[in-house]
PDB file of all heavy atoms in Angstrom:
ATOM      1  N   ASP A   1       0.817  -1.219   0.000  1.00  0.00           N
ATOM      2  CA  ASP A   1       0.000   0.000   0.000  1.00  0.00           C
ATOM      3  C   ASP A   1       0.847   1.265   0.000  1.00  0.00           C
ATOM      4  O   ASP A   1       0.300   2.371   0.052  1.00  0.00           O
ATOM      5  CB  ASP A   1      -0.928   0.013   1.225  1.00  0.00           C
ATOM      6  CG  ASP A   1      -1.969  -1.090   1.193  1.00  0.00           C
ATOM      7  OD1 ASP A   1      -2.242  -1.630   0.102  1.00  0.00           O
ATOM      8  OD2 ASP A   1      -2.490  -1.430   2.273  1.00  0.00           O
ATOM      9  N   GLN A   2       2.166   1.135  -0.047  1.00  0.00           N
ATOM     10  CA  GLN A   2       3.073   2.275   0.066  1.00  0.00           C
ATOM     11  C   GLN A   2       3.715   2.588  -1.290  1.00  0.00           C
ATOM     12  O   GLN A   2       3.861   1.710  -2.134  1.00  0.00           O
ATOM     13  CB  GLN A   2       4.188   1.972   1.075  1.00  0.00           C
ATOM     14  CG  GLN A   2       3.723   1.404   2.394  1.00  0.00           C
ATOM     15  CD  GLN A   2       2.792   2.315   3.153  1.00  0.00           C
ATOM     16  OE1 GLN A   2       3.015   3.519   3.228  1.00  0.00           O
ATOM     17  NE2 GLN A   2       1.736   1.748   3.722  1.00  0.00           N
ATOM     18  N   SER A   3       4.141   3.831  -1.439  1.00  0.00           N
ATOM     19  CA  SER A   3       4.881   4.198  -2.646  1.00  0.00           C
ATOM     20  C   SER A   3       6.332   3.728  -2.518  1.00  0.00           C
ATOM     21  O   SER A   3       6.855   3.568  -1.410  1.00  0.00           O
ATOM     22  CB  SER A   3       4.851   5.713  -2.859  1.00  0.00           C
ATOM     23  OG  SER A   3       5.644   6.359  -1.879  1.00  0.00           O
ATOM     24  N   LEU A   4       6.958   3.532  -3.650  1.00  0.00           N
ATOM     25  CA  LEU A   4       8.359   3.137  -3.668  1.00  0.00           C
ATOM     26  C   LEU A   4       9.221   4.181  -2.969  1.00  0.00           C
ATOM     27  O   LEU A   4      10.085   3.833  -2.157  1.00  0.00           O
ATOM     28  CB  LEU A   4       8.830   2.926  -5.107  1.00  0.00           C
ATOM     29  CG  LEU A   4      10.282   2.560  -5.306  1.00  0.00           C
ATOM     30  CD1 LEU A   4      10.617   1.234  -4.615  1.00  0.00           C
ATOM     31  CD2 LEU A   4      10.617   2.485  -6.787  1.00  0.00           C
ATOM     32  N   SER A   5       8.984   5.441  -3.225  1.00  0.00           N
ATOM     33  CA  SER A   5       9.812   6.494  -2.609  1.00  0.00           C
ATOM     34  C   SER A   5       9.641   6.491  -1.084  1.00  0.00           C
ATOM     35  O   SER A   5      10.622   6.668  -0.359  1.00  0.00           O
ATOM     36  CB  SER A   5       9.502   7.863  -3.199  1.00  0.00           C
ATOM     37  OG  SER A   5       8.161   8.220  -2.951  1.00  0.00           O
ATOM     38  N   HIS A   6       8.415   6.260  -0.602  1.00  0.00           N
ATOM     39  CA  HIS A   6       8.211   6.203   0.845  1.00  0.00           C
ATOM     40  C   HIS A   6       8.952   4.998   1.433  1.00  0.00           C
ATOM     41  O   HIS A   6       9.636   5.137   2.455  1.00  0.00           O
ATOM     42  CB  HIS A   6       6.722   6.132   1.184  1.00  0.00           C
ATOM     43  CG  HIS A   6       6.452   5.935   2.640  1.00  0.00           C
ATOM     44  ND1 HIS A   6       6.741   6.896   3.588  1.00  0.00           N
ATOM     45  CD2 HIS A   6       5.955   4.869   3.322  1.00  0.00           C
ATOM     46  CE1 HIS A   6       6.425   6.439   4.780  1.00  0.00           C
ATOM     47  NE2 HIS A   6       5.938   5.213   4.651  1.00  0.00           N
ATOM     48  N   LEU A   7       8.821   3.847   0.810  1.00  0.00           N
ATOM     49  CA  LEU A   7       9.488   2.644   1.319  1.00  0.00           C
ATOM     50  C   LEU A   7      11.002   2.825   1.367  1.00  0.00           C
ATOM     51  O   LEU A   7      11.653   2.421   2.325  1.00  0.00           O
ATOM     52  CB  LEU A   7       9.113   1.429   0.471  1.00  0.00           C
ATOM     53  CG  LEU A   7       7.659   0.979   0.585  1.00  0.00           C
ATOM     54  CD1 LEU A   7       7.339  -0.048  -0.490  1.00  0.00           C
ATOM     55  CD2 LEU A   7       7.372   0.432   1.972  1.00  0.00           C
ATOM     56  N   ARG A   8      11.556   3.451   0.359  1.00  0.00           N
ATOM     57  CA  ARG A   8      13.006   3.651   0.309  1.00  0.00           C
ATOM     58  C   ARG A   8      13.473   4.710   1.321  1.00  0.00           C
ATOM     59  O   ARG A   8      14.652   4.776   1.636  1.00  0.00           O
ATOM     60  CB  ARG A   8      13.442   4.021  -1.095  1.00  0.00           C
ATOM     61  CG  ARG A   8      13.246   2.909  -2.117  1.00  0.00           C
ATOM     62  CD  ARG A   8      14.275   1.834  -2.007  1.00  0.00           C
ATOM     63  NE  ARG A   8      15.483   2.332  -2.649  1.00  0.00           N
ATOM     64  CZ  ARG A   8      16.637   1.715  -2.650  1.00  0.00           C
ATOM     65  NH1 ARG A   8      16.777   0.562  -2.037  1.00  0.00           N
ATOM     66  NH2 ARG A   8      17.674   2.231  -3.243  1.00  0.00           N
ATOM     67  N   SER A   9      12.544   5.506   1.848  1.00  0.00           N
ATOM     68  CA  SER A   9      12.913   6.517   2.842  1.00  0.00           C
ATOM     69  C   SER A   9      12.900   5.965   4.267  1.00  0.00           C
ATOM     70  O   SER A   9      13.414   6.621   5.176  1.00  0.00           O
ATOM     71  CB  SER A   9      11.955   7.713   2.757  1.00  0.00           C
ATOM     72  OG  SER A   9      10.682   7.384   3.316  1.00  0.00           O
ATOM     73  N   LEU A  10      12.357   4.774   4.467  1.00  0.00           N
ATOM     74  CA  LEU A  10      12.230   4.209   5.813  1.00  0.00           C
ATOM     75  C   LEU A  10      13.561   3.696   6.346  1.00  0.00           C
ATOM     76  O   LEU A  10      14.445   3.312   5.577  1.00  0.00           O
ATOM     77  CB  LEU A  10      11.217   3.056   5.804  1.00  0.00           C
ATOM     78  CG  LEU A  10       9.784   3.415   5.444  1.00  0.00           C
ATOM     79  CD1 LEU A  10       8.933   2.153   5.373  1.00  0.00           C
ATOM     80  CD2 LEU A  10       9.210   4.406   6.441  1.00  0.00           C
ATOM     81  N   ASP A  11      13.666   3.663   7.655  1.00  0.00           N
ATOM     82  CA  ASP A  11      14.814   3.065   8.333  1.00  0.00           C
ATOM     83  C   ASP A  11      14.489   1.588   8.560  1.00  0.00           C
ATOM     84  O   ASP A  11      13.564   1.253   9.299  1.00  0.00           O
ATOM     85  CB  ASP A  11      15.063   3.765   9.659  1.00  0.00           C
ATOM     86  CG  ASP A  11      16.313   3.269  10.376  1.00  0.00           C
ATOM     87  OD1 ASP A  11      16.740   2.118  10.137  1.00  0.00           O
ATOM     88  OD2 ASP A  11      16.853   4.023  11.193  1.00  0.00           O
ATOM     89  N   ALA A  12      15.256   0.710   7.921  1.00  0.00           N
ATOM     90  CA  ALA A  12      15.048  -0.741   8.045  1.00  0.00           C
ATOM     91  C   ALA A  12      15.945  -1.328   9.128  1.00  0.00           C
ATOM     92  O   ALA A  12      16.118  -2.546   9.209  1.00  0.00           O
ATOM     93  CB  ALA A  12      15.297  -1.421   6.704  1.00  0.00           C
ATOM     94  N   GLY A  13      16.532  -0.471   9.960  1.00  0.00           N
ATOM     95  CA  GLY A  13      17.399  -0.911  11.047  1.00  0.00           C
ATOM     96  C   GLY A  13      18.792  -0.349  10.897  1.00  0.00           C
ATOM     97  O   GLY A  13      19.384  -0.444   9.824  1.00  0.00           O
ATOM     98  N   GLY A  14      19.300   0.264  11.929  1.00  0.00           N
ATOM     99  CA  GLY A  14      20.654   0.804  11.896  1.00  0.00           C
ATOM    100  C   GLY A  14      20.867   1.882  10.857  1.00  0.00           C
ATOM    101  O   GLY A  14      21.977   2.059  10.358  1.00  0.00           O
ATOM    102  N   GLY A  15      19.795   2.596  10.495  1.00  0.00           N
ATOM    103  CA  GLY A  15      19.919   3.658   9.496  1.00  0.00           C
ATOM    104  C   GLY A  15      19.946   3.166   8.063  1.00  0.00           C
ATOM    105  O   GLY A  15      20.167   3.957   7.150  1.00  0.00           O
ATOM    106  N   GLN A  16      19.726   1.898   7.860  1.00  0.00           N
ATOM    107  CA  GLN A  16      19.746   1.335   6.502  1.00  0.00           C
ATOM    108  C   GLN A  16      18.360   1.405   5.872  1.00  0.00           C
ATOM    109  O   GLN A  16      17.358   1.332   6.563  1.00  0.00           O
ATOM    110  CB  GLN A  16      20.193  -0.117   6.547  1.00  0.00           C
ATOM    111  CG  GLN A  16      21.603  -0.289   7.061  1.00  0.00           C
ATOM    112  CD  GLN A  16      21.973  -1.743   7.075  1.00  0.00           C
ATOM    113  OE1 GLN A  16      22.288  -2.312   6.040  1.00  0.00           O
ATOM    114  NE2 GLN A  16      21.902  -2.352   8.244  1.00  0.00           N
ATOM    115  N   GLN A  17      18.334   1.512   4.549  1.00  0.00           N
ATOM    116  CA  GLN A  17      17.058   1.518   3.844  1.00  0.00           C
ATOM    117  C   GLN A  17      16.730   0.114   3.350  1.00  0.00           C
ATOM    118  O   GLN A  17      17.589  -0.773   3.340  1.00  0.00           O
ATOM    119  CB  GLN A  17      17.078   2.518   2.684  1.00  0.00           C
ATOM    120  CG  GLN A  17      18.000   2.161   1.559  1.00  0.00           C
ATOM    121  CD  GLN A  17      18.012   3.216   0.458  1.00  0.00           C
ATOM    122  OE1 GLN A  17      18.854   3.160  -0.387  1.00  0.00           O
ATOM    123  NE2 GLN A  17      17.115   4.171   0.446  1.00  0.00           N
ATOM    124  N   ILE A  18      15.494  -0.068   2.963  1.00  0.00           N
ATOM    125  CA  ILE A  18      15.083  -1.331   2.343  1.00  0.00           C
ATOM    126  C   ILE A  18      15.823  -1.412   1.009  1.00  0.00           C
ATOM    127  O   ILE A  18      15.677  -0.531   0.160  1.00  0.00           O
ATOM    128  CB  ILE A  18      13.558  -1.373   2.111  1.00  0.00           C
ATOM    129  CG1 ILE A  18      12.816  -1.279   3.444  1.00  0.00           C
ATOM    130  CG2 ILE A  18      13.177  -2.640   1.345  1.00  0.00           C
ATOM    131  CD1 ILE A  18      11.301  -1.076   3.308  1.00  0.00           C
ATOM    132  N   PRO A  19      16.632  -2.456   0.802  1.00  0.00           N
ATOM    133  CA  PRO A  19      17.413  -2.529  -0.438  1.00  0.00           C
ATOM    134  C   PRO A  19      16.599  -3.081  -1.601  1.00  0.00           C
ATOM    135  O   PRO A  19      15.577  -3.749  -1.415  1.00  0.00           O
ATOM    136  CB  PRO A  19      18.548  -3.490  -0.085  1.00  0.00           C
ATOM    137  CG  PRO A  19      17.951  -4.387   0.951  1.00  0.00           C
ATOM    138  CD  PRO A  19      16.975  -3.535   1.728  1.00  0.00           C
ATOM    139  N   THR A  20      17.074  -2.807  -2.795  1.00  0.00           N
ATOM    140  CA  THR A  20      16.515  -3.437  -3.981  1.00  0.00           C
ATOM    141  C   THR A  20      17.232  -4.774  -4.201  1.00  0.00           C
ATOM    142  O   THR A  20      18.349  -4.987  -3.696  1.00  0.00           O
ATOM    143  CB  THR A  20      16.699  -2.565  -5.232  1.00  0.00           C
ATOM    144  OG1 THR A  20      18.102  -2.476  -5.536  1.00  0.00           O
ATOM    145  CG2 THR A  20      16.095  -1.179  -5.041  1.00  0.00           C
ATOM    146  N   LEU A  21      16.601  -5.646  -4.951  1.00  0.00           N
ATOM    147  CA  LEU A  21      17.244  -6.919  -5.278  1.00  0.00           C
ATOM    148  C   LEU A  21      18.502  -6.681  -6.093  1.00  0.00           C
ATOM    149  O   LEU A  21      19.512  -7.355  -5.904  1.00  0.00           O
ATOM    150  CB  LEU A  21      16.270  -7.832  -6.029  1.00  0.00           C
ATOM    151  CG  LEU A  21      16.801  -9.204  -6.428  1.00  0.00           C
ATOM    152  CD1 LEU A  21      17.336  -9.989  -5.226  1.00  0.00           C
ATOM    153  CD2 LEU A  21      15.720  -9.995  -7.156  1.00  0.00           C
ATOM    154  N   GLU A  22      18.480  -5.697  -6.957  1.00  0.00           N
ATOM    155  CA  GLU A  22      19.668  -5.349  -7.751  1.00  0.00           C
ATOM    156  C   GLU A  22      20.828  -4.951  -6.841  1.00  0.00           C
ATOM    157  O   GLU A  22      21.968  -5.371  -7.046  1.00  0.00           O
ATOM    158  CB  GLU A  22      19.338  -4.210  -8.711  1.00  0.00           C
ATOM    159  CG  GLU A  22      20.509  -3.737  -9.525  1.00  0.00           C
ATOM    160  CD  GLU A  22      20.725  -4.504 -10.817  1.00  0.00           C
ATOM    161  OE1 GLU A  22      19.739  -4.915 -11.432  1.00  0.00           O
ATOM    162  OE2 GLU A  22      21.897  -4.680 -11.195  1.00  0.00           O
ATOM    163  N   GLU A  23      20.559  -4.164  -5.806  1.00  0.00           N
ATOM    164  CA  GLU A  23      21.612  -3.761  -4.864  1.00  0.00           C
ATOM    165  C   GLU A  23      22.184  -4.966  -4.133  1.00  0.00           C
ATOM    166  O   GLU A  23      23.408  -5.064  -3.944  1.00  0.00           O
ATOM    167  CB  GLU A  23      21.065  -2.749  -3.856  1.00  0.00           C
ATOM    168  CG  GLU A  23      20.767  -1.394  -4.446  1.00  0.00           C
ATOM    169  CD  GLU A  23      19.975  -0.488  -3.534  1.00  0.00           C
ATOM    170  OE1 GLU A  23      19.286  -0.976  -2.601  1.00  0.00           O
ATOM    171  OE2 GLU A  23      20.040   0.743  -3.752  1.00  0.00           O
ATOM    172  N   VAL A  24      21.320  -5.885  -3.716  1.00  0.00           N
ATOM    173  CA  VAL A  24      21.787  -7.103  -3.043  1.00  0.00           C
ATOM    174  C   VAL A  24      22.661  -7.916  -3.983  1.00  0.00           C
ATOM    175  O   VAL A  24      23.729  -8.394  -3.594  1.00  0.00           O
ATOM    176  CB  VAL A  24      20.591  -7.929  -2.513  1.00  0.00           C
ATOM    177  CG1 VAL A  24      21.020  -9.335  -2.108  1.00  0.00           C
ATOM    178  CG2 VAL A  24      19.930  -7.221  -1.344  1.00  0.00           C
ATOM    179  N   CYS A  25      22.240  -8.068  -5.232  1.00  0.00           N
ATOM    180  CA  CYS A  25      23.028  -8.847  -6.202  1.00  0.00           C
ATOM    181  C   CYS A  25      24.363  -8.180  -6.485  1.00  0.00           C
ATOM    182  O   CYS A  25      25.375  -8.863  -6.645  1.00  0.00           O
ATOM    183  CB  CYS A  25      22.219  -9.056  -7.476  1.00  0.00           C
ATOM    184  SG  CYS A  25      20.813 -10.161  -7.240  1.00  0.00           S
ATOM    185  N   THR A  26      24.394  -6.864  -6.530  1.00  0.00           N
ATOM    186  CA  THR A  26      25.653  -6.138  -6.714  1.00  0.00           C
ATOM    187  C   THR A  26      26.583  -6.407  -5.540  1.00  0.00           C
ATOM    188  O   THR A  26      27.788  -6.614  -5.718  1.00  0.00           O
ATOM    189  CB  THR A  26      25.386  -4.628  -6.879  1.00  0.00           C
ATOM    190  OG1 THR A  26      24.591  -4.432  -8.053  1.00  0.00           O
ATOM    191  CG2 THR A  26      26.680  -3.847  -6.982  1.00  0.00           C
ATOM    192  N   GLU A  27      26.038  -6.435  -4.336  1.00  0.00           N
ATOM    193  CA  GLU A  27      26.846  -6.707  -3.147  1.00  0.00           C
ATOM    194  C   GLU A  27      27.384  -8.138  -3.170  1.00  0.00           C
ATOM    195  O   GLU A  27      28.536  -8.383  -2.819  1.00  0.00           O
ATOM    196  CB  GLU A  27      26.007  -6.477  -1.879  1.00  0.00           C
ATOM    197  CG  GLU A  27      26.792  -6.553  -0.613  1.00  0.00           C
ATOM    198  CD  GLU A  27      27.857  -5.476  -0.505  1.00  0.00           C
ATOM    199  OE1 GLU A  27      27.594  -4.311  -0.847  1.00  0.00           O
ATOM    200  OE2 GLU A  27      28.984  -5.814  -0.072  1.00  0.00           O
ATOM    201  N   ILE A  28      26.561  -9.082  -3.570  1.00  0.00           N
ATOM    202  CA  ILE A  28      26.976 -10.488  -3.608  1.00  0.00           C
ATOM    203  C   ILE A  28      28.028 -10.713  -4.690  1.00  0.00           C
ATOM    204  O   ILE A  28      29.038 -11.375  -4.447  1.00  0.00           O
ATOM    205  CB  ILE A  28      25.764 -11.416  -3.819  1.00  0.00           C
ATOM    206  CG1 ILE A  28      24.861 -11.374  -2.594  1.00  0.00           C
ATOM    207  CG2 ILE A  28      26.216 -12.843  -4.118  1.00  0.00           C
ATOM    208  CD1 ILE A  28      23.534 -12.082  -2.776  1.00  0.00           C
ATOM    209  N   ALA A  29      27.787 -10.171  -5.873  1.00  0.00           N
ATOM    210  CA  ALA A  29      28.746 -10.183  -6.991  1.00  0.00           C
ATOM    211  C   ALA A  29      29.538 -11.481  -7.122  1.00  0.00           C
ATOM    212  O   ALA A  29      30.757 -11.466  -7.127  1.00  0.00           O
ATOM    213  CB  ALA A  29      29.686  -8.985  -6.872  1.00  0.00           C
ATOM    214  N   GLY A  30      28.838 -12.602  -7.184  1.00  0.00           N
ATOM    215  CA  GLY A  30      29.499 -13.884  -7.406  1.00  0.00           C
ATOM    216  C   GLY A  30      30.101 -14.524  -6.172  1.00  0.00           C
ATOM    217  O   GLY A  30      30.713 -15.588  -6.265  1.00  0.00           O
ATOM    218  N   LYS A  31      29.954 -13.928  -4.998  1.00  0.00           N
ATOM    219  CA  LYS A  31      30.540 -14.478  -3.772  1.00  0.00           C
ATOM    220  C   LYS A  31      29.650 -15.529  -3.117  1.00  0.00           C
ATOM    221  O   LYS A  31      30.087 -16.232  -2.216  1.00  0.00           O
ATOM    222  CB  LYS A  31      30.802 -13.351  -2.763  1.00  0.00           C
ATOM    223  CG  LYS A  31      31.782 -12.312  -3.248  1.00  0.00           C
ATOM    224  CD  LYS A  31      31.892 -11.188  -2.227  1.00  0.00           C
ATOM    225  CE  LYS A  31      32.204  -9.905  -2.956  1.00  0.00           C
ATOM    226  NZ  LYS A  31      31.509  -8.766  -2.437  1.00  0.00           N
ATOM    227  N   ALA A  32      28.388 -15.601  -3.547  1.00  0.00           N
ATOM    228  CA  ALA A  32      27.453 -16.547  -2.931  1.00  0.00           C
ATOM    229  C   ALA A  32      26.320 -16.831  -3.907  1.00  0.00           C
ATOM    230  O   ALA A  32      26.105 -16.084  -4.863  1.00  0.00           O
ATOM    231  CB  ALA A  32      26.888 -15.976  -1.634  1.00  0.00           C
ATOM    232  N   CYS A  33      25.607 -17.898  -3.636  1.00  0.00           N
ATOM    233  CA  CYS A  33      24.395 -18.230  -4.386  1.00  0.00           C
ATOM    234  C   CYS A  33      23.212 -17.593  -3.666  1.00  0.00           C
ATOM    235  O   CYS A  33      23.300 -17.247  -2.493  1.00  0.00           O
ATOM    236  CB  CYS A  33      24.218 -19.738  -4.480  1.00  0.00           C
ATOM    237  SG  CYS A  33      25.496 -20.518  -5.493  1.00  0.00           S
ATOM    238  N   LEU A  34      22.100 -17.463  -4.373  1.00  0.00           N
ATOM    239  CA  LEU A  34      20.983 -16.696  -3.849  1.00  0.00           C
ATOM    240  C   LEU A  34      19.675 -17.461  -3.970  1.00  0.00           C
ATOM    241  O   LEU A  34      19.311 -17.912  -5.054  1.00  0.00           O
ATOM    242  CB  LEU A  34      20.889 -15.373  -4.615  1.00  0.00           C
ATOM    243  CG  LEU A  34      19.947 -14.309  -4.103  1.00  0.00           C
ATOM    244  CD1 LEU A  34      20.264 -13.928  -2.661  1.00  0.00           C
ATOM    245  CD2 LEU A  34      20.032 -13.078  -4.995  1.00  0.00           C
ATOM    246  N   ASN A  35      18.980 -17.603  -2.843  1.00  0.00           N
ATOM    247  CA  ASN A  35      17.615 -18.133  -2.805  1.00  0.00           C
ATOM    248  C   ASN A  35      16.697 -16.925  -2.684  1.00  0.00           C
ATOM    249  O   ASN A  35      16.706 -16.234  -1.671  1.00  0.00           O
ATOM    250  CB  ASN A  35      17.441 -19.082  -1.621  1.00  0.00           C
ATOM    251  CG  ASN A  35      15.998 -19.548  -1.436  1.00  0.00           C
ATOM    252  OD1 ASN A  35      15.121 -19.225  -2.218  1.00  0.00           O
ATOM    253  ND2 ASN A  35      15.762 -20.294  -0.381  1.00  0.00           N
TER     254      ASN A  35
END
């Protein structure tokens, strides 16, 4: 029920935002497999 911009502005813990799947994949960058 929320806009993307609102969701990305939230604190998901420790000052971090809700990440995109693309950002997670960039971080993993071949170091692990993903479920």
